[in-house]
Protein backbone atom coordinates (compact mmCIF):
# COMPACT_ATOMS: atom_id res chain seq x y z
CA MET A 1 -21.18 -60.68 4.10
CA ARG A 2 -17.96 -61.47 4.77
CA LEU A 3 -14.91 -60.15 2.90
CA PRO A 4 -12.40 -63.51 2.33
CA GLY A 5 -8.35 -62.29 3.07
CA ARG A 6 -6.99 -59.97 6.17
CA ILE A 7 -9.67 -57.58 5.58
CA GLY A 8 -12.34 -56.92 9.19
CA PRO A 9 -15.85 -56.75 9.40
CA ASN A 10 -15.37 -52.99 10.06
CA ALA A 11 -13.29 -51.83 7.79
CA LEU A 12 -16.39 -50.85 5.76
CA LEU A 13 -17.83 -48.98 8.41
CA ILE A 14 -14.14 -47.50 8.59
CA THR A 15 -14.44 -46.72 5.57
CA ALA A 16 -17.93 -45.17 4.58
CA ALA A 17 -17.37 -42.49 7.59
CA ALA A 18 -13.97 -41.87 6.71
CA VAL A 19 -14.83 -40.02 3.84
CA PRO A 20 -17.77 -37.90 5.34
CA LEU A 21 -15.43 -36.35 7.79
CA THR A 22 -12.77 -36.05 5.21
CA GLY A 23 -14.65 -33.98 2.63
CA TRP A 24 -16.28 -32.07 6.14
CA ALA A 25 -12.64 -31.23 7.78
CA VAL A 26 -11.84 -29.98 4.46
CA HIS A 27 -15.27 -27.78 3.93
CA ALA A 28 -14.91 -26.65 7.32
CA VAL A 29 -10.76 -25.36 6.35
CA THR A 30 -11.42 -23.54 4.01
CA LEU A 31 -14.58 -21.34 5.18
CA TYR A 32 -11.61 -20.55 7.88
CA LYS A 33 -8.82 -19.88 5.36
CA GLN A 34 -12.28 -17.96 3.78
CA ILE A 35 -13.40 -16.23 6.89
CA ALA A 36 -9.28 -15.28 7.46
CA ALA A 37 -8.77 -13.66 4.67
CA LYS A 38 -11.91 -11.39 4.98
CA GLU A 39 -10.49 -9.73 8.41
CA LYS A 40 -6.98 -9.42 6.74
CA ASP A 41 -6.33 -6.55 4.11
CA PRO A 42 -5.24 -8.69 1.05
CA LEU A 43 -2.13 -5.84 -0.35
CA THR A 44 -0.95 -4.94 3.46
CA GLY A 45 -1.73 -8.54 5.49
CA LEU A 46 -2.37 -6.21 8.01
CA LEU A 47 -6.14 -6.60 10.02
CA ARG A 48 -8.83 -4.93 8.55
CA ARG A 49 -10.55 -1.40 11.23
CA ASP A 50 -13.35 -3.84 12.36
CA ALA A 51 -10.94 -7.20 12.44
CA TYR A 52 -8.41 -5.15 14.23
CA THR A 53 -11.26 -2.99 16.56
CA ALA A 54 -12.68 -6.42 17.72
CA ARG A 55 -9.45 -8.06 19.16
CA ALA A 56 -8.18 -5.14 20.36
CA ARG A 57 -11.48 -4.32 22.76
CA ARG A 58 -11.65 -8.80 23.23
CA LEU A 59 -7.91 -7.59 24.72
CA LEU A 60 -8.70 -4.98 26.55
CA ALA A 61 -11.83 -7.10 28.30
CA ARG A 62 -9.47 -9.92 28.70
CA HIS A 63 -6.84 -8.29 30.30
CA GLY A 64 -8.33 -4.68 31.71
CA ASP A 65 -6.44 -2.36 32.77
CA ASP A 66 -2.87 -4.07 32.86
CA VAL A 67 -3.38 -3.96 28.61
CA THR A 68 -2.28 -0.39 25.90
CA VAL A 69 -3.49 -1.07 23.00
CA VAL A 70 -1.73 0.49 20.09
CA MET A 71 -2.40 1.85 16.34
CA VAL A 72 0.20 2.79 14.45
CA ILE A 73 -0.15 3.36 11.03
CA GLY A 74 1.69 4.44 8.44
CA VAL A 75 1.95 5.73 4.93
CA ARG A 76 4.38 6.15 2.47
CA ALA A 77 3.41 9.62 -0.49
CA GLY A 78 5.66 7.86 -3.50
CA SER A 79 3.54 4.05 -3.24
CA PHE A 80 0.82 5.27 -5.09
CA LYS A 81 0.77 4.85 -8.69
CA ALA A 82 0.02 7.77 -10.69
CA VAL A 83 -3.49 6.83 -12.17
């Protein structure tokens, strides 16, 4: 099949491949954001305990005795609402 004009013979092939690739890319980004959101607390934005522990273990495994992992917990007593 020959199309008139400036459209080349590979235009249909490129277009047909671009549509699924775009969908897959959007899907992958959405999944990545969902996984990243599960690692953080929705109120504070800080890492949850599981994610923090996994990251600390990776740092210790990578750097060994050269790194110190510190966990700081801060809670303001006045920041809670009465129920």
